[in-house]
């Protein structure tokens, strides 16, 4: 996670979006669902 955050701090917004989508699409469906649930819970808490 530290390496990923380090890379993200130098990447352009376009790069971060592309890698985020590619990484999400590479996840198994079950992990995609868990990620969407996590994001929804974070939005509700904010």
C-alpha atoms as a PDB file:
ATOM      1  CA  UNK A   1       0.000   0.000   0.000  1.00  0.00           C
ATOM      2  CA  UNK A   2       2.858   2.375   0.746  1.00  0.00           C
ATOM      3  CA  UNK A   3       4.333   1.791  -2.714  1.00  0.00           C
ATOM      4  CA  UNK A   4       0.961   2.341  -4.358  1.00  0.00           C
ATOM      5  CA  UNK A   5       0.433   5.586  -2.474  1.00  0.00           C
ATOM      6  CA  UNK A   6       3.947   6.735  -3.347  1.00  0.00           C
ATOM      7  CA  UNK A   7       3.337   6.058  -7.048  1.00  0.00           C
ATOM      8  CA  UNK A   8      -0.048   7.800  -6.931  1.00  0.00           C
ATOM      9  CA  UNK A   9       1.513  10.911  -5.438  1.00  0.00           C
ATOM     10  CA  UNK A  10       3.563  11.351  -8.642  1.00  0.00           C
ATOM     11  CA  UNK A  11       1.063  10.107 -11.240  1.00  0.00           C
ATOM     12  CA  UNK A  12      -1.128  12.468 -13.215  1.00  0.00           C
ATOM     13  CA  UNK A  13      -4.880  12.445 -12.687  1.00  0.00           C
ATOM     14  CA  UNK A  14      -5.303  10.747 -16.069  1.00  0.00           C
ATOM     15  CA  UNK A  15      -2.847   7.998 -15.061  1.00  0.00           C
ATOM     16  CA  UNK A  16      -4.526   7.466 -11.680  1.00  0.00           C
ATOM     17  CA  UNK A  17      -7.937   7.115 -13.327  1.00  0.00           C
ATOM     18  CA  UNK A  18      -6.631   4.677 -15.933  1.00  0.00           C
ATOM     19  CA  UNK A  19      -4.838   2.489 -13.392  1.00  0.00           C
ATOM     20  CA  UNK A  20      -7.784   2.577 -10.978  1.00  0.00           C
ATOM     21  CA  UNK A  21     -10.195   1.392 -13.647  1.00  0.00           C
ATOM     22  CA  UNK A  22      -7.802  -1.254 -14.981  1.00  0.00           C
ATOM     23  CA  UNK A  23      -7.153  -2.562 -11.468  1.00  0.00           C
ATOM     24  CA  UNK A  24     -10.864  -2.654 -10.668  1.00  0.00           C
ATOM     25  CA  UNK A  25     -11.679  -4.488 -13.902  1.00  0.00           C
ATOM     26  CA  UNK A  26      -8.944  -7.046 -13.146  1.00  0.00           C
ATOM     27  CA  UNK A  27     -10.555  -7.980  -9.818  1.00  0.00           C
ATOM     28  CA  UNK A  28     -12.755 -11.051  -9.547  1.00  0.00           C
ATOM     29  CA  UNK A  29     -16.457 -10.162  -9.509  1.00  0.00           C
ATOM     30  CA  UNK A  30     -16.727 -10.923  -5.784  1.00  0.00           C
ATOM     31  CA  UNK A  31     -13.950  -8.439  -4.984  1.00  0.00           C
ATOM     32  CA  UNK A  32     -15.519  -5.835  -7.273  1.00  0.00           C
ATOM     33  CA  UNK A  33     -18.749  -6.194  -5.322  1.00  0.00           C
ATOM     34  CA  UNK A  34     -16.900  -5.861  -2.008  1.00  0.00           C
ATOM     35  CA  UNK A  35     -15.126  -2.754  -3.304  1.00  0.00           C
ATOM     36  CA  UNK A  36     -18.414  -1.149  -4.385  1.00  0.00           C
ATOM     37  CA  UNK A  37     -19.892  -1.924  -0.958  1.00  0.00           C
ATOM     38  CA  UNK A  38     -16.879  -0.381   0.766  1.00  0.00           C
ATOM     39  CA  UNK A  39     -17.108   2.783  -1.345  1.00  0.00           C
ATOM     40  CA  UNK A  40     -20.827   3.089  -0.630  1.00  0.00           C
ATOM     41  CA  UNK A  41     -20.204   2.786   3.109  1.00  0.00           C
ATOM     42  CA  UNK A  42     -17.450   5.409   2.962  1.00  0.00           C
ATOM     43  CA  UNK A  43     -19.779   7.808   1.090  1.00  0.00           C
ATOM     44  CA  UNK A  44     -22.527   7.302   3.685  1.00  0.00           C
ATOM     45  CA  UNK A  45     -20.094   7.926   6.550  1.00  0.00           C
ATOM     46  CA  UNK A  46     -18.827  11.160   4.956  1.00  0.00           C
END
